[in-house]
Amino acid sequence: MLRSVLVAASMAVVLSACVDTESFIRVRAARELQCPPDQMVLVPRPDLTPNTYDVNACGRQARYTCARGYYSSSEAICVREPMGP
């Protein structure tokens, strides 16, 4: 029983981290790519890092890698990366 609760809690934290990371990417990409967030498609790139996403936004493409903030786990710092092959 306790194990089931711990697994469920861990999954909730992982899923919320993904949603938060995607929100930070959408905000930054909207500004940099001049595209509304609801018109973006985010593609996770776990082959690169667990927090890297390719973004397709209004005909433009970008790649972002995010990390949790040093002082607060509720903040993410997202960096635009060069698009490779």
PDB file of N, CA and C in Angstrom:
ATOM      1  N   MET A   1       0.824  -1.198   0.000  1.00  0.00           N
ATOM      2  CA  MET A   1       0.000   0.000   0.000  1.00  0.00           C
ATOM      3  C   MET A   1       0.866   1.258   0.000  1.00  0.00           C
ATOM      4  N   LEU A   2       1.839   1.297   0.922  1.00  0.00           N
ATOM      5  CA  LEU A   2       2.718   2.460   0.996  1.00  0.00           C
ATOM      6  C   LEU A   2       3.497   2.634  -0.306  1.00  0.00           C
ATOM      7  N   ARG A   3       3.932   1.514  -0.882  1.00  0.00           N
ATOM      8  CA  ARG A   3       4.663   1.601  -2.134  1.00  0.00           C
ATOM      9  C   ARG A   3       3.801   2.208  -3.243  1.00  0.00           C
ATOM     10  N   SER A   4       2.538   1.815  -3.318  1.00  0.00           N
ATOM     11  CA  SER A   4       1.623   2.362  -4.331  1.00  0.00           C
ATOM     12  C   SER A   4       1.465   3.861  -4.177  1.00  0.00           C
ATOM     13  N   VAL A   5       1.375   4.320  -2.939  1.00  0.00           N
ATOM     14  CA  VAL A   5       1.232   5.756  -2.669  1.00  0.00           C
ATOM     15  C   VAL A   5       2.498   6.492  -3.097  1.00  0.00           C
ATOM     16  N   LEU A   6       3.668   5.926  -2.776  1.00  0.00           N
ATOM     17  CA  LEU A   6       4.930   6.567  -3.153  1.00  0.00           C
ATOM     18  C   LEU A   6       5.104   6.616  -4.669  1.00  0.00           C
ATOM     19  N   VAL A   7       4.734   5.553  -5.357  1.00  0.00           N
ATOM     20  CA  VAL A   7       4.839   5.542  -6.821  1.00  0.00           C
ATOM     21  C   VAL A   7       3.903   6.587  -7.419  1.00  0.00           C
ATOM     22  N   ALA A   8       2.682   6.657  -6.933  1.00  0.00           N
ATOM     23  CA  ALA A   8       1.721   7.640  -7.443  1.00  0.00           C
ATOM     24  C   ALA A   8       2.211   9.061  -7.192  1.00  0.00           C
ATOM     25  N   ALA A   9       2.760   9.312  -6.013  1.00  0.00           N
ATOM     26  CA  ALA A   9       3.270  10.649  -5.690  1.00  0.00           C
ATOM     27  C   ALA A   9       4.446  11.005  -6.580  1.00  0.00           C
ATOM     28  N   SER A  10       5.337  10.053  -6.831  1.00  0.00           N
ATOM     29  CA  SER A  10       6.486  10.298  -7.697  1.00  0.00           C
ATOM     30  C   SER A  10       6.043  10.618  -9.121  1.00  0.00           C
ATOM     31  N   MET A  11       5.073   9.881  -9.618  1.00  0.00           N
ATOM     32  CA  MET A  11       4.564  10.141 -10.966  1.00  0.00           C
ATOM     33  C   MET A  11       3.932  11.523 -11.069  1.00  0.00           C
ATOM     34  N   ALA A  12       3.218  11.929 -10.027  1.00  0.00           N
ATOM     35  CA  ALA A  12       2.598  13.254 -10.029  1.00  0.00           C
ATOM     36  C   ALA A  12       3.656  14.345 -10.103  1.00  0.00           C
ATOM     37  N   VAL A  13       4.750  14.172  -9.377  1.00  0.00           N
ATOM     38  CA  VAL A  13       5.830  15.162  -9.406  1.00  0.00           C
ATOM     39  C   VAL A  13       6.468  15.205 -10.785  1.00  0.00           C
ATOM     40  N   VAL A  14       6.733  14.052 -11.375  1.00  0.00           N
ATOM     41  CA  VAL A  14       7.338  14.007 -12.711  1.00  0.00           C
ATOM     42  C   VAL A  14       6.425  14.658 -13.732  1.00  0.00           C
ATOM     43  N   LEU A  15       5.150  14.330 -13.704  1.00  0.00           N
ATOM     44  CA  LEU A  15       4.215  14.907 -14.672  1.00  0.00           C
ATOM     45  C   LEU A  15       4.075  16.409 -14.492  1.00  0.00           C
ATOM     46  N   SER A  16       4.030  16.882 -13.250  1.00  0.00           N
ATOM     47  CA  SER A  16       3.910  18.323 -13.030  1.00  0.00           C
ATOM     48  C   SER A  16       5.168  19.036 -13.484  1.00  0.00           C
ATOM     49  N   ALA A  17       6.337  18.413 -13.327  1.00  0.00           N
ATOM     50  CA  ALA A  17       7.579  19.018 -13.797  1.00  0.00           C
ATOM     51  C   ALA A  17       7.565  19.163 -15.305  1.00  0.00           C
ATOM     52  N   CYS A  18       7.048  18.161 -16.017  1.00  0.00           N
ATOM     53  CA  CYS A  18       6.955  18.243 -17.479  1.00  0.00           C
ATOM     54  C   CYS A  18       6.038  19.370 -17.903  1.00  0.00           C
ATOM     55  N   VAL A  19       4.895  19.477 -17.256  1.00  0.00           N
ATOM     56  CA  VAL A  19       3.940  20.537 -17.602  1.00  0.00           C
ATOM     57  C   VAL A  19       4.555  21.892 -17.342  1.00  0.00           C
ATOM     58  N   ASP A  20       5.224  22.067 -16.198  1.00  0.00           N
ATOM     59  CA  ASP A  20       5.853  23.347 -15.898  1.00  0.00           C
ATOM     60  C   ASP A  20       6.935  23.675 -16.909  1.00  0.00           C
ATOM     61  N   THR A  21       7.753  22.705 -17.247  1.00  0.00           N
ATOM     62  CA  THR A  21       8.817  22.923 -18.217  1.00  0.00           C
ATOM     63  C   THR A  21       8.225  23.334 -19.560  1.00  0.00           C
ATOM     64  N   GLU A  22       7.190  22.654 -19.995  1.00  0.00           N
ATOM     65  CA  GLU A  22       6.556  23.015 -21.262  1.00  0.00           C
ATOM     66  C   GLU A  22       5.967  24.419 -21.208  1.00  0.00           C
ATOM     67  N   SER A  23       5.426  24.820 -20.076  1.00  0.00           N
ATOM     68  CA  SER A  23       4.883  26.174 -19.933  1.00  0.00           C
ATOM     69  C   SER A  23       5.988  27.220 -20.079  1.00  0.00           C
ATOM     70  N   PHE A  24       7.137  26.974 -19.438  1.00  0.00           N
ATOM     71  CA  PHE A  24       8.260  27.913 -19.554  1.00  0.00           C
ATOM     72  C   PHE A  24       8.733  27.996 -20.998  1.00  0.00           C
ATOM     73  N   ILE A  25       8.799  26.860 -21.678  1.00  0.00           N
ATOM     74  CA  ILE A  25       9.228  26.864 -23.079  1.00  0.00           C
ATOM     75  C   ILE A  25       8.237  27.634 -23.933  1.00  0.00           C
ATOM     76  N   ARG A  26       6.948  27.410 -23.724  1.00  0.00           N
ATOM     77  CA  ARG A  26       5.936  28.107 -24.526  1.00  0.00           C
ATOM     78  C   ARG A  26       6.024  29.624 -24.358  1.00  0.00           C
ATOM     79  N   VAL A  27       6.254  30.084 -23.145  1.00  0.00           N
ATOM     80  CA  VAL A  27       6.355  31.528 -22.890  1.00  0.00           C
ATOM     81  C   VAL A  27       7.569  32.104 -23.616  1.00  0.00           C
ATOM     82  N   ARG A  28       8.704  31.433 -23.461  1.00  0.00           N
ATOM     83  CA  ARG A  28       9.916  31.942 -24.103  1.00  0.00           C
ATOM     84  C   ARG A  28       9.822  31.863 -25.625  1.00  0.00           C
ATOM     85  N   ALA A  29       9.358  30.733 -26.143  1.00  0.00           N
ATOM     86  CA  ALA A  29       9.258  30.575 -27.596  1.00  0.00           C
ATOM     87  C   ALA A  29       8.249  31.555 -28.191  1.00  0.00           C
ATOM     88  N   ALA A  30       7.166  31.841 -27.492  1.00  0.00           N
ATOM     89  CA  ALA A  30       6.180  32.802 -27.993  1.00  0.00           C
ATOM     90  C   ALA A  30       6.837  34.159 -28.236  1.00  0.00           C
ATOM     91  N   ARG A  31       7.690  34.555 -27.305  1.00  0.00           N
ATOM     92  CA  ARG A  31       8.376  35.841 -27.432  1.00  0.00           C
ATOM     93  C   ARG A  31       9.427  35.789 -28.545  1.00  0.00           C
ATOM     94  N   GLU A  32      10.242  34.736 -28.560  1.00  0.00           N
ATOM     95  CA  GLU A  32      11.345  34.672 -29.512  1.00  0.00           C
ATOM     96  C   GLU A  32      10.906  34.340 -30.939  1.00  0.00           C
ATOM     97  N   LEU A  33       9.877  33.524 -31.071  1.00  0.00           N
ATOM     98  CA  LEU A  33       9.434  33.097 -32.399  1.00  0.00           C
ATOM     99  C   LEU A  33       8.206  33.857 -32.879  1.00  0.00           C
ATOM    100  N   GLN A  34       7.730  34.777 -32.053  1.00  0.00           N
ATOM    101  CA  GLN A  34       6.565  35.602 -32.387  1.00  0.00           C
ATOM    102  C   GLN A  34       5.394  34.744 -32.844  1.00  0.00           C
ATOM    103  N   CYS A  35       5.004  33.812 -31.946  1.00  0.00           N
ATOM    104  CA  CYS A  35       3.926  32.879 -32.251  1.00  0.00           C
ATOM    105  C   CYS A  35       3.109  32.642 -30.982  1.00  0.00           C
ATOM    106  N   PRO A  36       1.784  32.661 -31.073  1.00  0.00           N
ATOM    107  CA  PRO A  36       0.962  32.378 -29.892  1.00  0.00           C
ATOM    108  C   PRO A  36       1.210  30.961 -29.370  1.00  0.00           C
ATOM    109  N   PRO A  37       1.265  30.776 -28.050  1.00  0.00           N
ATOM    110  CA  PRO A  37       1.531  29.455 -27.467  1.00  0.00           C
ATOM    111  C   PRO A  37       0.574  28.363 -27.930  1.00  0.00           C
ATOM    112  N   ASP A  38      -0.674  28.714 -28.206  1.00  0.00           N
ATOM    113  CA  ASP A  38      -1.638  27.688 -28.610  1.00  0.00           C
ATOM    114  C   ASP A  38      -1.414  27.200 -30.046  1.00  0.00           C
ATOM    115  N   GLN A  39      -0.497  27.838 -30.777  1.00  0.00           N
ATOM    116  CA  GLN A  39      -0.187  27.411 -32.132  1.00  0.00           C
ATOM    117  C   GLN A  39       1.163  26.691 -32.219  1.00  0.00           C
ATOM    118  N   MET A  40       1.682  26.279 -31.058  1.00  0.00           N
ATOM    119  CA  MET A  40       2.975  25.602 -30.997  1.00  0.00           C
ATOM    120  C   MET A  40       2.798  24.108 -30.788  1.00  0.00           C
ATOM    121  N   VAL A  41       3.748  23.367 -31.331  1.00  0.00           N
ATOM    122  CA  VAL A  41       3.829  21.927 -31.077  1.00  0.00           C
ATOM    123  C   VAL A  41       5.184  21.680 -30.421  1.00  0.00           C
ATOM    124  N   LEU A  42       5.173  21.104 -29.224  1.00  0.00           N
ATOM    125  CA  LEU A  42       6.399  20.759 -28.518  1.00  0.00           C
ATOM    126  C   LEU A  42       6.647  19.268 -28.648  1.00  0.00           C
ATOM    127  N   VAL A  43       7.856  18.918 -29.038  1.00  0.00           N
ATOM    128  CA  VAL A  43       8.232  17.516 -29.218  1.00  0.00           C
ATOM    129  C   VAL A  43       9.359  17.198 -28.233  1.00  0.00           C
ATOM    130  N   PRO A  44       9.087  16.364 -27.232  1.00  0.00           N
ATOM    131  CA  PRO A  44      10.150  15.998 -26.287  1.00  0.00           C
ATOM    132  C   PRO A  44      11.291  15.272 -27.005  1.00  0.00           C
ATOM    133  N   ARG A  45      12.524  15.548 -26.573  1.00  0.00           N
ATOM    134  CA  ARG A  45      13.701  14.914 -27.162  1.00  0.00           C
ATOM    135  C   ARG A  45      14.509  14.181 -26.093  1.00  0.00           C
ATOM    136  N   PRO A  46      13.955  13.081 -25.547  1.00  0.00           N
ATOM    137  CA  PRO A  46      14.668  12.349 -24.496  1.00  0.00           C
ATOM    138  C   PRO A  46      15.970  11.718 -25.000  1.00  0.00           C
ATOM    139  N   ASP A  47      16.131  11.632 -26.328  1.00  0.00           N
ATOM    140  CA  ASP A  47      17.387  11.111 -26.870  1.00  0.00           C
ATOM    141  C   ASP A  47      18.535  12.090 -26.653  1.00  0.00           C
ATOM    142  N   LEU A  48      18.207  13.366 -26.415  1.00  0.00           N
ATOM    143  CA  LEU A  48      19.232  14.380 -26.150  1.00  0.00           C
ATOM    144  C   LEU A  48      19.396  14.599 -24.644  1.00  0.00           C
ATOM    145  N   THR A  49      18.333  15.032 -23.989  1.00  0.00           N
ATOM    146  CA  THR A  49      18.286  15.146 -22.524  1.00  0.00           C
ATOM    147  C   THR A  49      16.822  15.000 -22.125  1.00  0.00           C
ATOM    148  N   PRO A  50      16.561  14.717 -20.859  1.00  0.00           N
ATOM    149  CA  PRO A  50      15.161  14.596 -20.419  1.00  0.00           C
ATOM    150  C   PRO A  50      14.382  15.911 -20.497  1.00  0.00           C
ATOM    151  N   ASN A  51      15.076  17.036 -20.576  1.00  0.00           N
ATOM    152  CA  ASN A  51      14.412  18.344 -20.577  1.00  0.00           C
ATOM    153  C   ASN A  51      14.659  19.133 -21.854  1.00  0.00           C
ATOM    154  N   THR A  52      14.849  18.438 -22.962  1.00  0.00           N
ATOM    155  CA  THR A  52      15.041  19.110 -24.247  1.00  0.00           C
ATOM    156  C   THR A  52      13.807  18.888 -25.111  1.00  0.00           C
ATOM    157  N   TYR A  53      13.358  19.973 -25.757  1.00  0.00           N
ATOM    158  CA  TYR A  53      12.167  19.936 -26.609  1.00  0.00           C
ATOM    159  C   TYR A  53      12.458  20.654 -27.905  1.00  0.00           C
ATOM    160  N   ASP A  54      11.975  20.093 -29.012  1.00  0.00           N
ATOM    161  CA  ASP A  54      11.945  20.807 -30.279  1.00  0.00           C
ATOM    162  C   ASP A  54      10.589  21.498 -30.354  1.00  0.00           C
ATOM    163  N   VAL A  55      10.598  22.729 -30.845  1.00  0.00           N
ATOM    164  CA  VAL A  55       9.369  23.523 -30.917  1.00  0.00           C
ATOM    165  C   VAL A  55       9.104  23.872 -32.376  1.00  0.00           C
ATOM    166  N   ASN A  56       7.903  23.584 -32.833  1.00  0.00           N
ATOM    167  CA  ASN A  56       7.427  24.024 -34.138  1.00  0.00           C
ATOM    168  C   ASN A  56       6.388  25.097 -33.867  1.00  0.00           C
ATOM    169  N   ALA A  57       6.673  26.312 -34.339  1.00  0.00           N
ATOM    170  CA  ALA A  57       5.813  27.443 -33.999  1.00  0.00           C
ATOM    171  C   ALA A  57       5.652  28.374 -35.199  1.00  0.00           C
ATOM    172  N   CYS A  58       4.458  28.392 -35.748  1.00  0.00           N
ATOM    173  CA  CYS A  58       4.134  29.307 -36.851  1.00  0.00           C
ATOM    174  C   CYS A  58       5.153  29.235 -37.985  1.00  0.00           C
ATOM    175  N   GLY A  59       5.537  28.012 -38.363  1.00  0.00           N
ATOM    176  CA  GLY A  59       6.471  27.833 -39.462  1.00  0.00           C
ATOM    177  C   GLY A  59       7.935  27.952 -39.074  1.00  0.00           C
ATOM    178  N   ARG A  60       8.218  28.226 -37.822  1.00  0.00           N
ATOM    179  CA  ARG A  60       9.604  28.330 -37.359  1.00  0.00           C
ATOM    180  C   ARG A  60       9.909  27.147 -36.453  1.00  0.00           C
ATOM    181  N   GLN A  61      11.202  26.833 -36.334  1.00  0.00           N
ATOM    182  CA  GLN A  61      11.622  25.742 -35.460  1.00  0.00           C
ATOM    183  C   GLN A  61      12.708  26.228 -34.514  1.00  0.00           C
ATOM    184  N   ALA A  62      12.689  25.667 -33.307  1.00  0.00           N
ATOM    185  CA  ALA A  62      13.723  25.977 -32.321  1.00  0.00           C
ATOM    186  C   ALA A  62      13.845  24.789 -31.377  1.00  0.00           C
ATOM    187  N   ARG A  63      14.953  24.735 -30.670  1.00  0.00           N
ATOM    188  CA  ARG A  63      15.173  23.684 -29.671  1.00  0.00           C
ATOM    189  C   ARG A  63      15.520  24.369 -28.348  1.00  0.00           C
ATOM    190  N   TYR A  64      14.880  23.902 -27.284  1.00  0.00           N
ATOM    191  CA  TYR A  64      15.111  24.453 -25.953  1.00  0.00           C
ATOM    192  C   TYR A  64      15.469  23.344 -24.979  1.00  0.00           C
ATOM    193  N   THR A  65      16.424  23.634 -24.093  1.00  0.00           N
ATOM    194  CA  THR A  65      16.765  22.747 -22.995  1.00  0.00           C
ATOM    195  C   THR A  65      16.552  23.520 -21.714  1.00  0.00           C
ATOM    196  N   CYS A  66      15.876  22.883 -20.771  1.00  0.00           N
ATOM    197  CA  CYS A  66      15.528  23.559 -19.518  1.00  0.00           C
ATOM    198  C   CYS A  66      16.161  22.864 -18.326  1.00  0.00           C
ATOM    199  N   ALA A  67      16.378  23.645 -17.274  1.00  0.00           N
ATOM    200  CA  ALA A  67      16.869  23.113 -16.008  1.00  0.00           C
ATOM    201  C   ALA A  67      16.104  23.819 -14.898  1.00  0.00           C
ATOM    202  N   ARG A  68      15.914  23.118 -13.813  1.00  0.00           N
ATOM    203  CA  ARG A  68      15.234  23.707 -12.669  1.00  0.00           C
ATOM    204  C   ARG A  68      16.124  24.755 -12.045  1.00  0.00           C
ATOM    205  N   GLY A  69      15.503  25.815 -11.508  1.00  0.00           N
ATOM    206  CA  GLY A  69      16.244  26.898 -10.872  1.00  0.00           C
ATOM    207  C   GLY A  69      17.013  26.438  -9.644  1.00  0.00           C
ATOM    208  N   TYR A  70      18.104  27.094  -9.368  1.00  0.00           N
ATOM    209  CA  TYR A  70      18.963  26.740  -8.241  1.00  0.00           C
ATOM    210  C   TYR A  70      18.285  27.042  -6.915  1.00  0.00           C
ATOM    211  N   TYR A  71      17.607  28.173  -6.836  1.00  0.00           N
ATOM    212  CA  TYR A  71      17.001  28.594  -5.577  1.00  0.00           C
ATOM    213  C   TYR A  71      15.573  28.111  -5.394  1.00  0.00           C
ATOM    214  N   SER A  72      14.913  27.738  -6.468  1.00  0.00           N
ATOM    215  CA  SER A  72      13.516  27.335  -6.367  1.00  0.00           C
ATOM    216  C   SER A  72      13.227  26.257  -7.400  1.00  0.00           C
ATOM    217  N   SER A  73      12.634  25.156  -6.944  1.00  0.00           N
ATOM    218  CA  SER A  73      12.316  24.085  -7.880  1.00  0.00           C
ATOM    219  C   SER A  73      11.096  24.426  -8.728  1.00  0.00           C
ATOM    220  N   SER A  74      10.422  25.535  -8.418  1.00  0.00           N
ATOM    221  CA  SER A  74       9.251  25.911  -9.204  1.00  0.00           C
ATOM    222  C   SER A  74       9.630  26.759 -10.416  1.00  0.00           C
ATOM    223  N   GLU A  75      10.893  27.134 -10.525  1.00  0.00           N
ATOM    224  CA  GLU A  75      11.340  27.925 -11.653  1.00  0.00           C
ATOM    225  C   GLU A  75      12.183  27.064 -12.581  1.00  0.00           C
ATOM    226  N   ALA A  76      12.097  27.345 -13.855  1.00  0.00           N
ATOM    227  CA  ALA A  76      12.944  26.655 -14.823  1.00  0.00           C
ATOM    228  C   ALA A  76      13.689  27.712 -15.637  1.00  0.00           C
ATOM    229  N   ILE A  77      14.895  27.383 -16.012  1.00  0.00           N
ATOM    230  CA  ILE A  77      15.678  28.234 -16.888  1.00  0.00           C
ATOM    231  C   ILE A  77      15.787  27.487 -18.212  1.00  0.00           C
ATOM    232  N   CYS A  78      15.303  28.102 -19.276  1.00  0.00           N
ATOM    233  CA  CYS A  78      15.302  27.454 -20.582  1.00  0.00           C
ATOM    234  C   CYS A  78      16.241  28.201 -21.524  1.00  0.00           C
ATOM    235  N   VAL A  79      17.067  27.444 -22.222  1.00  0.00           N
ATOM    236  CA  VAL A  79      18.062  28.002 -23.130  1.00  0.00           C
ATOM    237  C   VAL A  79      17.769  27.508 -24.536  1.00  0.00           C
ATOM    238  N   ARG A  80      17.814  28.412 -25.485  1.00  0.00           N
ATOM    239  CA  ARG A  80      17.629  28.022 -26.883  1.00  0.00           C
ATOM    240  C   ARG A  80      18.923  27.400 -27.378  1.00  0.00           C
ATOM    241  N   GLU A  81      18.806  26.235 -27.973  1.00  0.00           N
ATOM    242  CA  GLU A  81      19.952  25.471 -28.455  1.00  0.00           C
ATOM    243  C   GLU A  81      19.993  25.506 -29.974  1.00  0.00           C
ATOM    244  N   PRO A  82      21.178  25.305 -30.549  1.00  0.00           N
ATOM    245  CA  PRO A  82      21.240  25.200 -32.009  1.00  0.00           C
ATOM    246  C   PRO A  82      20.537  23.915 -32.470  1.00  0.00           C
ATOM    247  N   MET A  83      19.863  23.995 -33.588  1.00  0.00           N
ATOM    248  CA  MET A  83      19.204  22.827 -34.158  1.00  0.00           C
ATOM    249  C   MET A  83      20.223  22.039 -34.951  1.00  0.00           C
ATOM    250  N   GLY A  84      20.418  20.801 -34.580  1.00  0.00           N
ATOM    251  CA  GLY A  84      21.359  19.935 -35.292  1.00  0.00           C
ATOM    252  C   GLY A  84      20.630  19.101 -36.329  1.00  0.00           C
ATOM    253  N   PRO A  85      21.350  18.196 -36.919  1.00  0.00           N
ATOM    254  CA  PRO A  85      20.745  17.336 -37.949  1.00  0.00           C
ATOM    255  C   PRO A  85      19.695  16.405 -37.371  1.00  0.00           C
TER     256      PRO A  85
END
